[in-house]
Amino acid sequence: MTSIPVRDKRTDPALRHPEKQKRPDNPIQRKPEWIRVKAPTSKAYHETRKMMRDLNLATVCEEAACPNIGECWAKKHATIMIMGDTCTRACAFCNVATGIPKPLDPMEPANVAVAVGGMGLEHVVLTSVDRDDLADGGAAHFGGVVRALRSSAPGTTIEILTPDFKDKPGALDLLAQDPPDVFNHNLETVPRLYPTIRPGSRYFVSLDLLRRIKERVPKVFTKSGLMVGLGETREEVGQVMDDLRAANVDFLTIGQYLQPTPKHARIENFVTPDEFEGYAKMARGKGFLLVSAAPLTRSSYHAGDDFAKLRKAREGKLAAG
């Protein structure tokens, strides 16, 4: 009898992204030398991976195919993705699987706390899939994980990288009740490209979320990120920077978009290191407390070190003013 192979959504593009199979193939371009990374092989990498599997936790490092996973996991730094590994949206840039999510895991806050304690983290980053199926978009679950961490690891600083919660009533109130140290929500791209790159989201909803959380919890550091290489112009990126500063956002990250599969949005151009330095200079001139702009920059890359820099920059600004 001929056996039927089991198909795994983690490795089978047709199962991970059935909604993207209608899109034409966009062959993945050869990466320039400045953006290539080595495959992960270290012992610490495999230990981190095993811990996540044992505790039934997902990481955006794996699900989004982050190019920095080898470096970060070797240092036992991982961005934990809560509320499952299946997203209710289908963004053209994202490698996270789309479909109908499973119910929330009531043990997840405790398991996250165990993982953070096991890795001895001084700074932890929590993110999630979009959960448009939930009445509050998952805001209360974020709060539960933050509370579990505050209780079990009071010395660990917490950064959350959130969805927009579909602007659902009460979501912001729930987030403000148990605020993190850093509140991160990525705009991802310029407004003109939202209909094709981020069709389930709205630019000004995302921008308003960042503005409102800062108004509600002034002490929290706010942060947002952009991908470049999708066809945006320098002028458009500059306008997004102005919008973020008007929302009093403290920290901006800018990195190169990398196409996960041929079914995803194509790379329009590879931005050079010199161009990234130009973006960084522009952002610093607009008044961000901190800017990270480089080809391999990602929202959570070097997050712990960046948090220390944020605190130092705020202290310096207060002392000067």
C-alpha atoms as a PDB file:
ATOM      1  CA  MET A   1       0.000   0.000   0.000  1.00  0.00           C
ATOM      2  CA  THR A   2       1.327   3.415  -0.930  1.00  0.00           C
ATOM      3  CA  SER A   3       1.643   5.698   2.084  1.00  0.00           C
ATOM      4  CA  ILE A   4       0.264   9.228   1.946  1.00  0.00           C
ATOM      5  CA  PRO A   5       2.785  11.812   3.166  1.00  0.00           C
ATOM      6  CA  VAL A   6       1.722  14.025   6.042  1.00  0.00           C
ATOM      7  CA  ARG A   7       1.703  17.706   5.111  1.00  0.00           C
ATOM      8  CA  ASP A   8       3.000  20.126   7.724  1.00  0.00           C
ATOM      9  CA  LYS A   9       1.800  23.736   7.659  1.00  0.00           C
ATOM     10  CA  ARG A  10       5.158  24.899   9.058  1.00  0.00           C
ATOM     11  CA  THR A  11       6.924  23.787   5.861  1.00  0.00           C
ATOM     12  CA  ASP A  12       4.205  23.456   3.204  1.00  0.00           C
ATOM     13  CA  PRO A  13       3.424  26.871   1.641  1.00  0.00           C
ATOM     14  CA  ALA A  14       0.065  25.680   0.306  1.00  0.00           C
ATOM     15  CA  LEU A  15      -1.069  24.860   3.846  1.00  0.00           C
ATOM     16  CA  ARG A  16       0.541  27.851   5.545  1.00  0.00           C
ATOM     17  CA  HIS A  17      -0.981  30.368   3.135  1.00  0.00           C
ATOM     18  CA  PRO A  18      -3.907  28.917   1.155  1.00  0.00           C
ATOM     19  CA  GLU A  19      -5.233  32.428   0.542  1.00  0.00           C
ATOM     20  CA  LYS A  20      -1.933  33.411  -1.117  1.00  0.00           C
ATOM     21  CA  GLN A  21      -2.013  30.597  -3.684  1.00  0.00           C
ATOM     22  CA  LYS A  22      -4.133  32.779  -5.980  1.00  0.00           C
ATOM     23  CA  ARG A  23      -1.343  35.338  -6.196  1.00  0.00           C
ATOM     24  CA  PRO A  24       1.107  35.025  -9.095  1.00  0.00           C
ATOM     25  CA  ASP A  25       4.543  33.724  -8.286  1.00  0.00           C
ATOM     26  CA  ASN A  26       7.184  36.390  -7.669  1.00  0.00           C
ATOM     27  CA  PRO A  27      10.564  34.649  -7.937  1.00  0.00           C
ATOM     28  CA  ILE A  28      12.724  35.375  -4.888  1.00  0.00           C
ATOM     29  CA  GLN A  29      15.671  37.545  -5.838  1.00  0.00           C
ATOM     30  CA  ARG A  30      19.265  36.778  -4.952  1.00  0.00           C
ATOM     31  CA  LYS A  31      20.260  38.686  -1.816  1.00  0.00           C
ATOM     32  CA  PRO A  32      23.197  41.086  -1.888  1.00  0.00           C
ATOM     33  CA  GLU A  33      26.251  40.271   0.201  1.00  0.00           C
ATOM     34  CA  TRP A  34      25.341  42.732   2.969  1.00  0.00           C
ATOM     35  CA  ILE A  35      22.140  40.897   3.851  1.00  0.00           C
ATOM     36  CA  ARG A  36      23.207  37.251   3.973  1.00  0.00           C
ATOM     37  CA  VAL A  37      23.327  35.365   7.269  1.00  0.00           C
ATOM     38  CA  LYS A  38      24.631  31.986   8.360  1.00  0.00           C
ATOM     39  CA  ALA A  39      22.316  29.068   9.136  1.00  0.00           C
ATOM     40  CA  PRO A  40      21.833  28.523  12.911  1.00  0.00           C
ATOM     41  CA  THR A  41      23.904  25.660  14.368  1.00  0.00           C
ATOM     42  CA  SER A  42      24.793  26.550  17.975  1.00  0.00           C
ATOM     43  CA  LYS A  43      23.924  24.448  21.007  1.00  0.00           C
ATOM     44  CA  ALA A  44      22.111  27.400  22.642  1.00  0.00           C
ATOM     45  CA  TYR A  45      19.956  27.778  19.523  1.00  0.00           C
ATOM     46  CA  HIS A  46      18.764  24.186  19.803  1.00  0.00           C
ATOM     47  CA  GLU A  47      18.208  24.546  23.568  1.00  0.00           C
ATOM     48  CA  THR A  48      16.004  27.598  22.995  1.00  0.00           C
ATOM     49  CA  ARG A  49      14.050  25.758  20.305  1.00  0.00           C
ATOM     50  CA  LYS A  50      13.494  22.744  22.564  1.00  0.00           C
ATOM     51  CA  MET A  51      12.229  24.920  25.433  1.00  0.00           C
ATOM     52  CA  MET A  52       9.668  26.597  23.170  1.00  0.00           C
ATOM     53  CA  ARG A  53       8.433  23.215  21.936  1.00  0.00           C
ATOM     54  CA  ASP A  54       8.274  21.697  25.434  1.00  0.00           C
ATOM     55  CA  LEU A  55       6.122  24.611  26.679  1.00  0.00           C
ATOM     56  CA  ASN A  56       3.924  24.653  23.574  1.00  0.00           C
ATOM     57  CA  LEU A  57       4.959  28.211  22.746  1.00  0.00           C
ATOM     58  CA  ALA A  58       5.265  29.774  19.310  1.00  0.00           C
ATOM     59  CA  THR A  59       7.862  32.363  18.358  1.00  0.00           C
ATOM     60  CA  VAL A  60       7.670  35.005  15.677  1.00  0.00           C
ATOM     61  CA  CYS A  61      11.339  34.211  15.026  1.00  0.00           C
ATOM     62  CA  GLU A  62      10.268  30.911  13.440  1.00  0.00           C
ATOM     63  CA  GLU A  63       6.826  31.799  12.123  1.00  0.00           C
ATOM     64  CA  ALA A  64       7.996  34.943  10.332  1.00  0.00           C
ATOM     65  CA  ALA A  65      11.251  33.325   9.143  1.00  0.00           C
ATOM     66  CA  CYS A  66      13.392  36.035  10.762  1.00  0.00           C
ATOM     67  CA  PRO A  67      16.924  36.184   9.312  1.00  0.00           C
ATOM     68  CA  ASN A  68      18.377  36.925  12.766  1.00  0.00           C
ATOM     69  CA  ILE A  69      17.087  33.766  14.457  1.00  0.00           C
ATOM     70  CA  GLY A  70      20.508  32.112  14.661  1.00  0.00           C
ATOM     71  CA  GLU A  71      22.151  35.088  16.361  1.00  0.00           C
ATOM     72  CA  CYS A  72      19.273  35.805  18.739  1.00  0.00           C
ATOM     73  CA  TRP A  73      18.561  32.224  19.800  1.00  0.00           C
ATOM     74  CA  ALA A  74      22.255  31.569  20.341  1.00  0.00           C
ATOM     75  CA  LYS A  75      22.015  34.344  22.965  1.00  0.00           C
ATOM     76  CA  LYS A  76      18.724  32.855  24.284  1.00  0.00           C
ATOM     77  CA  HIS A  77      16.779  35.861  23.041  1.00  0.00           C
ATOM     78  CA  ALA A  78      13.397  34.966  21.549  1.00  0.00           C
ATOM     79  CA  THR A  79      10.265  36.897  20.690  1.00  0.00           C
ATOM     80  CA  ILE A  80       7.386  34.840  22.050  1.00  0.00           C
ATOM     81  CA  MET A  81       4.244  34.836  19.934  1.00  0.00           C
ATOM     82  CA  ILE A  82       1.119  34.428  22.036  1.00  0.00           C
ATOM     83  CA  MET A  83      -2.449  33.478  21.083  1.00  0.00           C
ATOM     84  CA  GLY A  84      -1.386  30.709  18.721  1.00  0.00           C
ATOM     85  CA  ASP A  85       0.420  30.459  15.402  1.00  0.00           C
ATOM     86  CA  THR A  86      -2.522  31.103  13.038  1.00  0.00           C
ATOM     87  CA  CYS A  87      -3.495  34.635  12.013  1.00  0.00           C
ATOM     88  CA  THR A  88      -6.933  35.853  10.940  1.00  0.00           C
ATOM     89  CA  ARG A  89      -5.421  38.202   8.336  1.00  0.00           C
ATOM     90  CA  ALA A  90      -3.394  37.647   5.173  1.00  0.00           C
ATOM     91  CA  CYS A  91      -0.807  40.399   4.797  1.00  0.00           C
ATOM     92  CA  ALA A  92       1.220  40.141   1.594  1.00  0.00           C
ATOM     93  CA  PHE A  93       4.567  40.393   3.388  1.00  0.00           C
ATOM     94  CA  CYS A  94       4.011  38.017   6.314  1.00  0.00           C
ATOM     95  CA  ASN A  95       5.020  34.354   6.606  1.00  0.00           C
ATOM     96  CA  VAL A  96       2.710  33.540   9.540  1.00  0.00           C
ATOM     97  CA  ALA A  97       0.001  31.016   8.636  1.00  0.00           C
ATOM     98  CA  THR A  98      -3.511  32.317   7.950  1.00  0.00           C
ATOM     99  CA  GLY A  99      -6.728  30.519   8.880  1.00  0.00           C
ATOM    100  CA  ILE A 100      -9.127  29.854  11.736  1.00  0.00           C
ATOM    101  CA  PRO A 101      -7.195  30.043  15.043  1.00  0.00           C
ATOM    102  CA  LYS A 102      -7.590  27.619  17.920  1.00  0.00           C
ATOM    103  CA  PRO A 103      -9.122  28.790  21.221  1.00  0.00           C
ATOM    104  CA  LEU A 104      -6.802  30.693  23.549  1.00  0.00           C
ATOM    105  CA  ASP A 105      -4.616  28.529  25.783  1.00  0.00           C
ATOM    106  CA  PRO A 106      -5.417  29.369  29.432  1.00  0.00           C
ATOM    107  CA  MET A 107      -1.988  28.006  30.448  1.00  0.00           C
ATOM    108  CA  GLU A 108      -0.115  30.310  28.099  1.00  0.00           C
ATOM    109  CA  PRO A 109       0.574  33.150  30.590  1.00  0.00           C
ATOM    110  CA  ALA A 110       2.090  30.646  33.057  1.00  0.00           C
ATOM    111  CA  ASN A 111       4.078  28.911  30.311  1.00  0.00           C
ATOM    112  CA  VAL A 112       5.475  32.213  29.067  1.00  0.00           C
ATOM    113  CA  ALA A 113       6.565  33.027  32.621  1.00  0.00           C
ATOM    114  CA  VAL A 114       8.311  29.634  32.892  1.00  0.00           C
ATOM    115  CA  ALA A 115      10.129  30.205  29.577  1.00  0.00           C
ATOM    116  CA  VAL A 116      11.283  33.683  30.582  1.00  0.00           C
ATOM    117  CA  GLY A 117      12.522  32.361  33.914  1.00  0.00           C
ATOM    118  CA  GLY A 118      14.240  29.420  32.237  1.00  0.00           C
ATOM    119  CA  MET A 119      16.133  31.680  29.849  1.00  0.00           C
ATOM    120  CA  GLY A 120      16.941  34.187  32.584  1.00  0.00           C
ATOM    121  CA  LEU A 121      15.791  37.106  30.466  1.00  0.00           C
ATOM    122  CA  GLU A 122      16.291  40.671  31.617  1.00  0.00           C
ATOM    123  CA  HIS A 123      14.048  41.912  28.791  1.00  0.00           C
ATOM    124  CA  VAL A 124      11.292  39.947  27.032  1.00  0.00           C
ATOM    125  CA  VAL A 125       9.401  40.711  23.829  1.00  0.00           C
ATOM    126  CA  LEU A 126       5.846  39.424  23.377  1.00  0.00           C
ATOM    127  CA  THR A 127       3.994  39.584  20.093  1.00  0.00           C
ATOM    128  CA  SER A 128       0.942  37.888  18.636  1.00  0.00           C
ATOM    129  CA  VAL A 129      -0.999  36.964  15.571  1.00  0.00           C
ATOM    130  CA  ASP A 130      -4.043  39.063  14.694  1.00  0.00           C
ATOM    131  CA  ARG A 131      -7.094  37.636  16.473  1.00  0.00           C
ATOM    132  CA  ASP A 132     -10.006  39.420  14.828  1.00  0.00           C
ATOM    133  CA  ASP A 133     -12.203  36.517  15.992  1.00  0.00           C
ATOM    134  CA  LEU A 134     -11.976  37.713  19.608  1.00  0.00           C
ATOM    135  CA  ALA A 135     -14.250  40.415  21.016  1.00  0.00           C
ATOM    136  CA  ASP A 136     -11.285  42.446  22.279  1.00  0.00           C
ATOM    137  CA  GLY A 137      -8.789  41.317  19.640  1.00  0.00           C
ATOM    138  CA  GLY A 138      -6.811  39.552  22.374  1.00  0.00           C
ATOM    139  CA  ALA A 139      -6.067  42.633  24.497  1.00  0.00           C
ATOM    140  CA  ALA A 140      -7.115  40.924  27.745  1.00  0.00           C
ATOM    141  CA  HIS A 141      -4.842  37.963  26.968  1.00  0.00           C
ATOM    142  CA  PHE A 142      -1.890  40.318  26.492  1.00  0.00           C
ATOM    143  CA  GLY A 143      -2.708  41.774  29.912  1.00  0.00           C
ATOM    144  CA  GLY A 144      -2.802  38.310  31.476  1.00  0.00           C
ATOM    145  CA  VAL A 145       0.656  37.459  30.155  1.00  0.00           C
ATOM    146  CA  VAL A 146       2.055  40.800  31.342  1.00  0.00           C
ATOM    147  CA  ARG A 147       0.594  40.220  34.834  1.00  0.00           C
ATOM    148  CA  ALA A 148       2.071  36.699  34.987  1.00  0.00           C
ATOM    149  CA  LEU A 149       5.493  38.074  34.096  1.00  0.00           C
ATOM    150  CA  ARG A 150       5.274  40.937  36.586  1.00  0.00           C
ATOM    151  CA  SER A 151       4.461  38.404  39.298  1.00  0.00           C
ATOM    152  CA  SER A 152       7.050  35.734  38.476  1.00  0.00           C
ATOM    153  CA  ALA A 153       9.869  37.881  37.072  1.00  0.00           C
ATOM    154  CA  PRO A 154       9.552  41.387  38.556  1.00  0.00           C
ATOM    155  CA  GLY A 155      13.065  42.283  37.435  1.00  0.00           C
ATOM    156  CA  THR A 156      12.344  41.552  33.771  1.00  0.00           C
ATOM    157  CA  THR A 157      11.326  44.477  31.585  1.00  0.00           C
ATOM    158  CA  ILE A 158       8.514  43.776  29.129  1.00  0.00           C
ATOM    159  CA  GLU A 159       8.007  44.856  25.537  1.00  0.00           C
ATOM    160  CA  ILE A 160       4.831  44.021  23.623  1.00  0.00           C
ATOM    161  CA  LEU A 161       4.544  44.142  19.842  1.00  0.00           C
ATOM    162  CA  THR A 162       0.811  44.250  19.260  1.00  0.00           C
ATOM    163  CA  PRO A 163      -1.693  44.049  16.418  1.00  0.00           C
ATOM    164  CA  ASP A 164      -4.112  46.938  15.959  1.00  0.00           C
ATOM    165  CA  PHE A 165      -6.938  44.999  17.707  1.00  0.00           C
ATOM    166  CA  LYS A 166      -9.187  46.092  14.816  1.00  0.00           C
ATOM    167  CA  ASP A 167      -9.856  49.255  16.854  1.00  0.00           C
ATOM    168  CA  LYS A 168     -12.281  47.202  18.979  1.00  0.00           C
ATOM    169  CA  PRO A 169     -14.038  49.031  21.850  1.00  0.00           C
ATOM    170  CA  GLY A 170     -12.322  48.600  25.200  1.00  0.00           C
ATOM    171  CA  ALA A 171      -9.105  47.065  23.831  1.00  0.00           C
ATOM    172  CA  LEU A 172      -7.005  50.125  24.653  1.00  0.00           C
ATOM    173  CA  ASP A 173      -8.427  50.272  28.188  1.00  0.00           C
ATOM    174  CA  LEU A 174      -7.377  46.664  28.777  1.00  0.00           C
ATOM    175  CA  LEU A 175      -3.869  47.337  27.487  1.00  0.00           C
ATOM    176  CA  ALA A 176      -3.512  50.427  29.667  1.00  0.00           C
ATOM    177  CA  GLN A 177      -4.505  48.512  32.833  1.00  0.00           C
ATOM    178  CA  ASP A 178      -1.361  46.363  32.656  1.00  0.00           C
ATOM    179  CA  PRO A 179       1.073  48.437  30.621  1.00  0.00           C
ATOM    180  CA  PRO A 180       4.423  47.078  29.448  1.00  0.00           C
ATOM    181  CA  ASP A 181       7.683  48.993  29.571  1.00  0.00           C
ATOM    182  CA  VAL A 182       7.710  49.300  25.766  1.00  0.00           C
ATOM    183  CA  PHE A 183       4.588  49.382  23.584  1.00  0.00           C
ATOM    184  CA  ASN A 184       5.413  48.511  19.986  1.00  0.00           C
ATOM    185  CA  HIS A 185       3.042  48.518  17.031  1.00  0.00           C
ATOM    186  CA  ASN A 186       4.468  48.462  13.525  1.00  0.00           C
ATOM    187  CA  LEU A 187       3.090  50.636  10.745  1.00  0.00           C
ATOM    188  CA  GLU A 188       5.067  48.321   8.410  1.00  0.00           C
ATOM    189  CA  THR A 189       4.847  50.458   5.256  1.00  0.00           C
ATOM    190  CA  VAL A 190       3.715  53.778   3.809  1.00  0.00           C
ATOM    191  CA  PRO A 191      -0.016  54.588   3.478  1.00  0.00           C
ATOM    192  CA  ARG A 192      -0.060  54.249  -0.331  1.00  0.00           C
ATOM    193  CA  LEU A 193       0.945  50.578  -0.121  1.00  0.00           C
ATOM    194  CA  TYR A 194      -1.568  49.491   2.542  1.00  0.00           C
ATOM    195  CA  PRO A 195      -4.213  48.189   0.077  1.00  0.00           C
ATOM    196  CA  THR A 196      -1.760  45.671  -1.412  1.00  0.00           C
ATOM    197  CA  ILE A 197       0.714  45.016   1.418  1.00  0.00           C
ATOM    198  CA  ARG A 198      -1.460  45.302   4.543  1.00  0.00           C
ATOM    199  CA  PRO A 199      -5.035  45.053   3.226  1.00  0.00           C
ATOM    200  CA  GLY A 200      -6.658  44.048   6.524  1.00  0.00           C
ATOM    201  CA  SER A 201      -5.317  47.101   8.347  1.00  0.00           C
ATOM    202  CA  ARG A 202      -5.745  50.864   8.219  1.00  0.00           C
ATOM    203  CA  TYR A 203      -2.802  53.247   8.475  1.00  0.00           C
ATOM    204  CA  PHE A 204      -4.498  55.861  10.654  1.00  0.00           C
ATOM    205  CA  VAL A 205      -5.981  53.229  12.996  1.00  0.00           C
ATOM    206  CA  SER A 206      -2.457  51.987  13.671  1.00  0.00           C
ATOM    207  CA  LEU A 207      -1.109  55.495  14.082  1.00  0.00           C
ATOM    208  CA  ASP A 208      -3.939  56.422  16.447  1.00  0.00           C
ATOM    209  CA  LEU A 209      -3.293  53.341  18.603  1.00  0.00           C
ATOM    210  CA  LEU A 210       0.267  54.532  19.215  1.00  0.00           C
ATOM    211  CA  ARG A 211      -0.888  58.062  19.960  1.00  0.00           C
ATOM    212  CA  ARG A 212      -3.619  57.007  22.389  1.00  0.00           C
ATOM    213  CA  ILE A 213      -1.523  54.546  24.410  1.00  0.00           C
ATOM    214  CA  LYS A 214       1.099  57.271  24.917  1.00  0.00           C
ATOM    215  CA  GLU A 215      -1.601  59.670  26.125  1.00  0.00           C
ATOM    216  CA  ARG A 216      -3.004  57.064  28.521  1.00  0.00           C
ATOM    217  CA  VAL A 217       0.363  55.838  29.846  1.00  0.00           C
ATOM    218  CA  PRO A 218       2.924  58.642  29.301  1.00  0.00           C
ATOM    219  CA  LYS A 219       5.760  56.720  30.971  1.00  0.00           C
ATOM    220  CA  VAL A 220       5.611  53.851  28.482  1.00  0.00           C
ATOM    221  CA  PHE A 221       8.104  53.946  25.619  1.00  0.00           C
ATOM    222  CA  THR A 222       6.352  53.728  22.252  1.00  0.00           C
ATOM    223  CA  LYS A 223       7.939  52.130  19.232  1.00  0.00           C
ATOM    224  CA  SER A 224       7.102  51.385  15.606  1.00  0.00           C
ATOM    225  CA  GLY A 225       8.776  49.791  12.614  1.00  0.00           C
ATOM    226  CA  LEU A 226       8.902  50.073   8.829  1.00  0.00           C
ATOM    227  CA  MET A 227       9.965  47.716   6.062  1.00  0.00           C
ATOM    228  CA  VAL A 228      11.601  49.251   3.000  1.00  0.00           C
ATOM    229  CA  GLY A 229      12.188  47.791  -0.432  1.00  0.00           C
ATOM    230  CA  LEU A 230       8.493  47.521  -1.328  1.00  0.00           C
ATOM    231  CA  GLY A 231       8.453  50.452  -3.749  1.00  0.00           C
ATOM    232  CA  GLU A 232       8.060  53.309  -1.259  1.00  0.00           C
ATOM    233  CA  THR A 233       9.774  56.634  -1.915  1.00  0.00           C
ATOM    234  CA  ARG A 234      12.142  58.482   0.402  1.00  0.00           C
ATOM    235  CA  GLU A 235       9.586  61.289   0.660  1.00  0.00           C
ATOM    236  CA  GLU A 236       6.881  58.841   1.752  1.00  0.00           C
ATOM    237  CA  VAL A 237       9.148  57.370   4.436  1.00  0.00           C
ATOM    238  CA  GLY A 238       9.883  60.882   5.675  1.00  0.00           C
ATOM    239  CA  GLN A 239       6.150  61.606   5.940  1.00  0.00           C
ATOM    240  CA  VAL A 240       5.614  58.436   8.013  1.00  0.00           C
ATOM    241  CA  MET A 241       8.386  59.615  10.335  1.00  0.00           C
ATOM    242  CA  ASP A 242       6.598  62.954  10.736  1.00  0.00           C
ATOM    243  CA  ASP A 243       3.312  61.162  11.476  1.00  0.00           C
ATOM    244  CA  LEU A 244       4.983  59.001  14.125  1.00  0.00           C
ATOM    245  CA  ARG A 245       6.612  61.977  15.809  1.00  0.00           C
ATOM    246  CA  ALA A 246       3.248  63.775  15.830  1.00  0.00           C
ATOM    247  CA  ALA A 247       1.967  60.712  17.725  1.00  0.00           C
ATOM    248  CA  ASN A 248       4.896  61.132  20.170  1.00  0.00           C
ATOM    249  CA  VAL A 249       6.511  57.795  19.238  1.00  0.00           C
ATOM    250  CA  ASP A 250       9.937  57.391  20.833  1.00  0.00           C
ATOM    251  CA  PHE A 251      11.684  54.681  18.839  1.00  0.00           C
ATOM    252  CA  LEU A 252      11.719  53.838  15.123  1.00  0.00           C
ATOM    253  CA  THR A 253      13.110  50.712  13.465  1.00  0.00           C
ATOM    254  CA  ILE A 254      13.654  50.387   9.702  1.00  0.00           C
ATOM    255  CA  GLY A 255      14.720  47.178   7.972  1.00  0.00           C
ATOM    256  CA  GLN A 256      14.831  45.585   4.533  1.00  0.00           C
ATOM    257  CA  TYR A 257      11.753  43.623   3.464  1.00  0.00           C
ATOM    258  CA  LEU A 258      12.684  40.047   2.572  1.00  0.00           C
ATOM    259  CA  GLN A 259      10.231  37.991   0.515  1.00  0.00           C
ATOM    260  CA  PRO A 260       9.372  34.764   2.410  1.00  0.00           C
ATOM    261  CA  THR A 261       8.040  32.745  -0.560  1.00  0.00           C
ATOM    262  CA  PRO A 262       7.258  33.321  -4.261  1.00  0.00           C
ATOM    263  CA  LYS A 263       3.592  33.816  -3.266  1.00  0.00           C
ATOM    264  CA  HIS A 264       4.375  36.913  -1.195  1.00  0.00           C
ATOM    265  CA  ALA A 265       4.880  40.521  -2.295  1.00  0.00           C
ATOM    266  CA  ARG A 266       7.969  40.948  -4.420  1.00  0.00           C
ATOM    267  CA  ILE A 267      11.027  42.923  -3.400  1.00  0.00           C
ATOM    268  CA  GLU A 268      11.092  46.068  -5.499  1.00  0.00           C
ATOM    269  CA  ASN A 269      14.619  47.026  -4.469  1.00  0.00           C
ATOM    270  CA  PHE A 270      17.374  46.244  -1.999  1.00  0.00           C
ATOM    271  CA  VAL A 271      18.131  49.332   0.057  1.00  0.00           C
ATOM    272  CA  THR A 272      21.875  49.845   0.522  1.00  0.00           C
ATOM    273  CA  PRO A 273      23.583  50.321   3.903  1.00  0.00           C
ATOM    274  CA  ASP A 274      24.352  53.934   2.938  1.00  0.00           C
ATOM    275  CA  GLU A 275      20.660  54.571   2.225  1.00  0.00           C
ATOM    276  CA  PHE A 276      19.756  53.079   5.604  1.00  0.00           C
ATOM    277  CA  GLU A 277      22.220  55.429   7.275  1.00  0.00           C
ATOM    278  CA  GLY A 278      20.497  58.282   5.444  1.00  0.00           C
ATOM    279  CA  TYR A 279      17.139  57.185   6.869  1.00  0.00           C
ATOM    280  CA  ALA A 280      18.659  56.961  10.341  1.00  0.00           C
ATOM    281  CA  LYS A 281      20.076  60.481  10.045  1.00  0.00           C
ATOM    282  CA  MET A 282      16.701  61.776   8.841  1.00  0.00           C
ATOM    283  CA  ALA A 283      14.863  60.132  11.749  1.00  0.00           C
ATOM    284  CA  ARG A 284      17.294  61.436  14.344  1.00  0.00           C
ATOM    285  CA  GLY A 285      16.806  64.906  12.923  1.00  0.00           C
ATOM    286  CA  LYS A 286      13.055  64.573  13.429  1.00  0.00           C
ATOM    287  CA  GLY A 287      13.490  63.956  17.148  1.00  0.00           C
ATOM    288  CA  PHE A 288      13.122  60.228  17.831  1.00  0.00           C
ATOM    289  CA  LEU A 289      14.783  59.180  21.088  1.00  0.00           C
ATOM    290  CA  LEU A 290      16.254  56.153  19.331  1.00  0.00           C
ATOM    291  CA  VAL A 291      16.563  54.936  15.738  1.00  0.00           C
ATOM    292  CA  SER A 292      17.696  51.563  14.410  1.00  0.00           C
ATOM    293  CA  ALA A 293      17.996  51.421  10.619  1.00  0.00           C
ATOM    294  CA  ALA A 294      19.937  48.702   8.819  1.00  0.00           C
ATOM    295  CA  PRO A 295      19.221  45.903   6.314  1.00  0.00           C
ATOM    296  CA  LEU A 296      18.723  43.232   8.990  1.00  0.00           C
ATOM    297  CA  THR A 297      17.008  45.444  11.569  1.00  0.00           C
ATOM    298  CA  ARG A 298      13.788  43.910  12.874  1.00  0.00           C
ATOM    299  CA  SER A 299      11.398  45.143  15.580  1.00  0.00           C
ATOM    300  CA  SER A 300      12.774  42.826  18.263  1.00  0.00           C
ATOM    301  CA  TYR A 301      16.412  42.704  17.173  1.00  0.00           C
ATOM    302  CA  HIS A 302      18.679  43.701  20.101  1.00  0.00           C
ATOM    303  CA  ALA A 303      15.540  44.771  21.985  1.00  0.00           C
ATOM    304  CA  GLY A 304      17.116  44.472  25.433  1.00  0.00           C
ATOM    305  CA  ASP A 305      20.119  46.602  24.524  1.00  0.00           C
ATOM    306  CA  ASP A 306      17.844  49.111  22.822  1.00  0.00           C
ATOM    307  CA  PHE A 307      15.657  49.401  25.917  1.00  0.00           C
ATOM    308  CA  ALA A 308      18.701  50.393  27.964  1.00  0.00           C
ATOM    309  CA  LYS A 309      19.544  53.011  25.320  1.00  0.00           C
ATOM    310  CA  LEU A 310      15.965  54.324  25.421  1.00  0.00           C
ATOM    311  CA  ARG A 311      16.096  54.831  29.178  1.00  0.00           C
ATOM    312  CA  LYS A 312      19.441  56.577  28.920  1.00  0.00           C
ATOM    313  CA  ALA A 313      18.192  58.829  26.099  1.00  0.00           C
ATOM    314  CA  ARG A 314      15.086  59.801  28.100  1.00  0.00           C
ATOM    315  CA  GLU A 315      17.179  60.565  31.183  1.00  0.00           C
ATOM    316  CA  GLY A 316      19.505  62.708  29.103  1.00  0.00           C
ATOM    317  CA  LYS A 317      16.586  64.587  27.547  1.00  0.00           C
ATOM    318  CA  LEU A 318      15.005  65.244  30.957  1.00  0.00           C
ATOM    319  CA  ALA A 319      18.318  66.433  32.372  1.00  0.00           C
ATOM    320  CA  ALA A 320      18.797  68.786  29.430  1.00  0.00           C
ATOM    321  CA  GLY A 321      15.259  70.145  29.527  1.00  0.00           C
END
